[in-house]
Amino acid sequence: MAERAIVDTGFLVALLSRSDAHHEWAAGLVPTLRGPWLTAEACISETVFLLEQAGRPAVDALLRWLHQGALVSRHCLPEQLSEVSSEMLGYGRRWVDFADACLVALSDEQPKLPLVSLDAADFSVYFRRRSGRKLFLPIKRR
């Protein structure tokens, strides 16, 4: 089955950790995102690291999603090294982290898939160069 959305670390952490400030937003978005979801292996690593506070059940759920195919993790190197390094270094003094660069490379490969992230400041900049891309971001509350 083809993936239906690209998901970032922040979304995964928010969804899997009930104590996360964006948990309700992430959980509310799930019914609108048909699966399976696509992410980068770098995001899996970040997610596991950040979920240490949430405990083992959250990590177990992430691993279960991977085993069941509800979440598909892609390995970007070495196949997409040129694309990832170009993205990491393509914004002058603005640093693009490795996981974000991998997600942008996945989005370039599958431009019709929406990207779900908490990083509005970053991905709105990266996607300015890519017209027609859809981002799901949490609404800022005042």
C-alpha atoms as a PDB file:
ATOM      1  CA  MET A   1       0.000   0.000   0.000  1.00  0.00           C
ATOM      2  CA  ALA A   2       1.315   3.458  -0.869  1.00  0.00           C
ATOM      3  CA  GLU A   3       2.047   5.918   1.913  1.00  0.00           C
ATOM      4  CA  ARG A   4      -0.499   8.699   2.470  1.00  0.00           C
ATOM      5  CA  ALA A   5       1.461  11.322   4.469  1.00  0.00           C
ATOM      6  CA  ILE A   6       5.000  12.150   5.540  1.00  0.00           C
ATOM      7  CA  VAL A   7       5.316  12.567   9.303  1.00  0.00           C
ATOM      8  CA  ASP A   8       7.956  14.380  11.306  1.00  0.00           C
ATOM      9  CA  THR A   9       9.430  13.597  14.711  1.00  0.00           C
ATOM     10  CA  GLY A  10       7.359  16.243  16.497  1.00  0.00           C
ATOM     11  CA  PHE A  11       4.090  14.769  15.254  1.00  0.00           C
ATOM     12  CA  LEU A  12       5.084  11.251  16.280  1.00  0.00           C
ATOM     13  CA  VAL A  13       6.189  12.372  19.749  1.00  0.00           C
ATOM     14  CA  ALA A  14       3.031  14.428  20.243  1.00  0.00           C
ATOM     15  CA  LEU A  15       0.842  11.534  19.181  1.00  0.00           C
ATOM     16  CA  LEU A  16       2.607   8.945  21.339  1.00  0.00           C
ATOM     17  CA  SER A  17       3.069  11.066  24.468  1.00  0.00           C
ATOM     18  CA  ARG A  18      -0.157  12.063  26.200  1.00  0.00           C
ATOM     19  CA  SER A  19       1.751  14.663  28.222  1.00  0.00           C
ATOM     20  CA  ASP A  20       2.990  16.466  25.097  1.00  0.00           C
ATOM     21  CA  ALA A  21       1.546  19.962  24.638  1.00  0.00           C
ATOM     22  CA  HIS A  22       0.452  19.068  21.089  1.00  0.00           C
ATOM     23  CA  HIS A  23      -1.022  15.630  21.859  1.00  0.00           C
ATOM     24  CA  GLU A  24      -4.654  16.688  21.329  1.00  0.00           C
ATOM     25  CA  TRP A  25      -3.804  18.331  18.007  1.00  0.00           C
ATOM     26  CA  ALA A  26      -1.925  15.241  16.808  1.00  0.00           C
ATOM     27  CA  ALA A  27      -4.611  12.821  17.984  1.00  0.00           C
ATOM     28  CA  GLY A  28      -7.300  14.959  16.361  1.00  0.00           C
ATOM     29  CA  LEU A  29      -5.445  14.925  13.050  1.00  0.00           C
ATOM     30  CA  VAL A  30      -5.116  11.131  12.886  1.00  0.00           C
ATOM     31  CA  PRO A  31      -8.619  10.476  11.449  1.00  0.00           C
ATOM     32  CA  THR A  32      -7.849  12.809   8.526  1.00  0.00           C
ATOM     33  CA  LEU A  33      -4.536  11.122   7.665  1.00  0.00           C
ATOM     34  CA  ARG A  34      -4.987   7.825   5.929  1.00  0.00           C
ATOM     35  CA  GLY A  35      -2.087   5.462   6.431  1.00  0.00           C
ATOM     36  CA  PRO A  36       0.396   4.134   6.171  1.00  0.00           C
ATOM     37  CA  TRP A  37       2.590   7.107   7.022  1.00  0.00           C
ATOM     38  CA  LEU A  38       6.110   7.668   5.722  1.00  0.00           C
ATOM     39  CA  THR A  39       9.027   9.006   7.742  1.00  0.00           C
ATOM     40  CA  ALA A  40      12.804   8.999   7.653  1.00  0.00           C
ATOM     41  CA  GLU A  41      14.942   6.670   9.725  1.00  0.00           C
ATOM     42  CA  ALA A  42      16.519   9.779  11.288  1.00  0.00           C
ATOM     43  CA  CYS A  43      13.069  10.738  12.615  1.00  0.00           C
ATOM     44  CA  ILE A  44      12.640   7.303  14.184  1.00  0.00           C
ATOM     45  CA  SER A  45      15.919   7.798  16.035  1.00  0.00           C
ATOM     46  CA  GLU A  46      14.885  11.271  17.229  1.00  0.00           C
ATOM     47  CA  THR A  47      11.448  10.012  18.245  1.00  0.00           C
ATOM     48  CA  VAL A  48      12.809   7.139  20.337  1.00  0.00           C
ATOM     49  CA  PHE A  49      15.237   9.515  22.056  1.00  0.00           C
ATOM     50  CA  LEU A  50      12.505  12.061  22.830  1.00  0.00           C
ATOM     51  CA  LEU A  51      10.048   9.407  24.008  1.00  0.00           C
ATOM     52  CA  GLU A  52      12.331   8.271  26.819  1.00  0.00           C
ATOM     53  CA  GLN A  53      10.414  10.656  29.093  1.00  0.00           C
ATOM     54  CA  ALA A  54       7.076   9.164  28.008  1.00  0.00           C
ATOM     55  CA  GLY A  55       8.241   5.672  28.866  1.00  0.00           C
ATOM     56  CA  ARG A  56       8.401   2.274  27.280  1.00  0.00           C
ATOM     57  CA  PRO A  57       4.717   1.985  26.237  1.00  0.00           C
ATOM     58  CA  ALA A  58       5.173   4.922  23.829  1.00  0.00           C
ATOM     59  CA  VAL A  59       8.273   3.368  22.261  1.00  0.00           C
ATOM     60  CA  ASP A  60       6.518  -0.002  22.101  1.00  0.00           C
ATOM     61  CA  ALA A  61       3.651   1.629  20.192  1.00  0.00           C
ATOM     62  CA  LEU A  62       6.085   3.216  17.721  1.00  0.00           C
ATOM     63  CA  LEU A  63       7.797  -0.129  17.118  1.00  0.00           C
ATOM     64  CA  ARG A  64       4.422  -1.858  16.757  1.00  0.00           C
ATOM     65  CA  TRP A  65       3.416   0.669  14.051  1.00  0.00           C
ATOM     66  CA  LEU A  66       6.665  -0.088  12.205  1.00  0.00           C
ATOM     67  CA  HIS A  67       6.165  -3.867  12.484  1.00  0.00           C
ATOM     68  CA  GLN A  68       2.547  -3.590  11.304  1.00  0.00           C
ATOM     69  CA  GLY A  69       3.424  -1.322   8.376  1.00  0.00           C
ATOM     70  CA  ALA A  70       1.276   1.558   9.652  1.00  0.00           C
ATOM     71  CA  LEU A  71       4.479   3.633   9.716  1.00  0.00           C
ATOM     72  CA  VAL A  72       7.108   3.157   7.012  1.00  0.00           C
ATOM     73  CA  SER A  73      10.647   4.304   7.732  1.00  0.00           C
ATOM     74  CA  ARG A  74      12.914   5.153   4.810  1.00  0.00           C
ATOM     75  CA  HIS A  75      16.684   5.092   4.866  1.00  0.00           C
ATOM     76  CA  CYS A  76      17.961   8.147   2.928  1.00  0.00           C
ATOM     77  CA  LEU A  77      21.701   7.470   2.726  1.00  0.00           C
ATOM     78  CA  PRO A  78      23.589   6.806   0.557  1.00  0.00           C
ATOM     79  CA  GLU A  79      20.901   6.837  -2.146  1.00  0.00           C
ATOM     80  CA  GLN A  80      19.788  10.418  -1.474  1.00  0.00           C
ATOM     81  CA  LEU A  81      23.062  11.837  -0.163  1.00  0.00           C
ATOM     82  CA  SER A  82      23.177  14.563  -2.823  1.00  0.00           C
ATOM     83  CA  GLU A  83      19.610  15.690  -2.134  1.00  0.00           C
ATOM     84  CA  VAL A  84      20.000  15.584   1.656  1.00  0.00           C
ATOM     85  CA  SER A  85      23.338  17.403   1.712  1.00  0.00           C
ATOM     86  CA  SER A  86      22.064  20.001  -0.757  1.00  0.00           C
ATOM     87  CA  GLU A  87      19.083  20.666   1.515  1.00  0.00           C
ATOM     88  CA  MET A  88      21.237  20.822   4.648  1.00  0.00           C
ATOM     89  CA  LEU A  89      23.569  23.389   3.085  1.00  0.00           C
ATOM     90  CA  GLY A  90      21.154  25.213   0.786  1.00  0.00           C
ATOM     91  CA  TYR A  91      19.948  28.048   3.020  1.00  0.00           C
ATOM     92  CA  GLY A  92      23.062  30.091   3.677  1.00  0.00           C
ATOM     93  CA  ARG A  93      23.513  30.527   7.404  1.00  0.00           C
ATOM     94  CA  ARG A  94      20.275  28.756   8.308  1.00  0.00           C
ATOM     95  CA  TRP A  95      21.037  25.305   9.664  1.00  0.00           C
ATOM     96  CA  VAL A  96      18.850  22.492   8.362  1.00  0.00           C
ATOM     97  CA  ASP A  97      19.062  19.432  10.570  1.00  0.00           C
ATOM     98  CA  PHE A  98      19.626  16.010   9.073  1.00  0.00           C
ATOM     99  CA  ALA A  99      16.166  14.617   9.841  1.00  0.00           C
ATOM    100  CA  ASP A 100      14.430  17.650   8.304  1.00  0.00           C
ATOM    101  CA  ALA A 101      16.641  17.398   5.210  1.00  0.00           C
ATOM    102  CA  CYS A 102      15.687  13.728   4.859  1.00  0.00           C
ATOM    103  CA  LEU A 103      11.977  14.592   5.095  1.00  0.00           C
ATOM    104  CA  VAL A 104      12.333  17.287   2.444  1.00  0.00           C
ATOM    105  CA  ALA A 105      14.098  14.770   0.190  1.00  0.00           C
ATOM    106  CA  LEU A 106      11.211  12.328   0.746  1.00  0.00           C
ATOM    107  CA  SER A 107       8.766  15.123  -0.054  1.00  0.00           C
ATOM    108  CA  ASP A 108      10.664  15.924  -3.244  1.00  0.00           C
ATOM    109  CA  GLU A 109      10.376  12.261  -4.181  1.00  0.00           C
ATOM    110  CA  GLN A 110       6.630  12.208  -3.392  1.00  0.00           C
ATOM    111  CA  PRO A 111       5.413  15.813  -3.725  1.00  0.00           C
ATOM    112  CA  LYS A 112       1.703  14.991  -3.476  1.00  0.00           C
ATOM    113  CA  LEU A 113       2.021  13.663   0.077  1.00  0.00           C
ATOM    114  CA  PRO A 114       1.320  16.218   2.813  1.00  0.00           C
ATOM    115  CA  LEU A 115       3.963  16.688   5.475  1.00  0.00           C
ATOM    116  CA  VAL A 116       2.830  16.695   9.099  1.00  0.00           C
ATOM    117  CA  SER A 117       5.097  18.606  11.461  1.00  0.00           C
ATOM    118  CA  LEU A 118       5.226  20.863  14.505  1.00  0.00           C
ATOM    119  CA  ASP A 119       8.112  22.811  12.943  1.00  0.00           C
ATOM    120  CA  ALA A 120       6.187  25.591  11.216  1.00  0.00           C
ATOM    121  CA  ALA A 121       9.113  28.003  11.249  1.00  0.00           C
ATOM    122  CA  ASP A 122      11.409  25.520   9.526  1.00  0.00           C
ATOM    123  CA  PHE A 123       9.209  23.692   7.035  1.00  0.00           C
ATOM    124  CA  SER A 124       7.401  26.823   5.865  1.00  0.00           C
ATOM    125  CA  VAL A 125      10.849  28.121   4.805  1.00  0.00           C
ATOM    126  CA  TYR A 126      11.908  24.843   3.172  1.00  0.00           C
ATOM    127  CA  PHE A 127       8.617  24.538   1.291  1.00  0.00           C
ATOM    128  CA  ARG A 128       8.676  28.107  -0.088  1.00  0.00           C
ATOM    129  CA  ARG A 129      10.905  26.735  -2.826  1.00  0.00           C
ATOM    130  CA  ARG A 130       8.397  23.993  -3.563  1.00  0.00           C
ATOM    131  CA  SER A 131       5.034  25.244  -4.732  1.00  0.00           C
ATOM    132  CA  GLY A 132       1.946  23.186  -4.132  1.00  0.00           C
ATOM    133  CA  ARG A 133       3.200  21.265  -1.091  1.00  0.00           C
ATOM    134  CA  LYS A 134       0.740  20.781   1.740  1.00  0.00           C
ATOM    135  CA  LEU A 135       1.787  21.148   5.367  1.00  0.00           C
ATOM    136  CA  PHE A 136      -0.229  20.164   8.427  1.00  0.00           C
ATOM    137  CA  LEU A 137       0.890  22.378  11.309  1.00  0.00           C
ATOM    138  CA  PRO A 138      -0.682  23.077  14.687  1.00  0.00           C
ATOM    139  CA  ILE A 139      -2.615  26.331  15.003  1.00  0.00           C
ATOM    140  CA  LYS A 140      -0.917  28.760  17.363  1.00  0.00           C
ATOM    141  CA  ARG A 141      -3.118  29.744  20.254  1.00  0.00           C
ATOM    142  CA  ARG A 142      -2.916  33.280  21.588  1.00  0.00           C
END
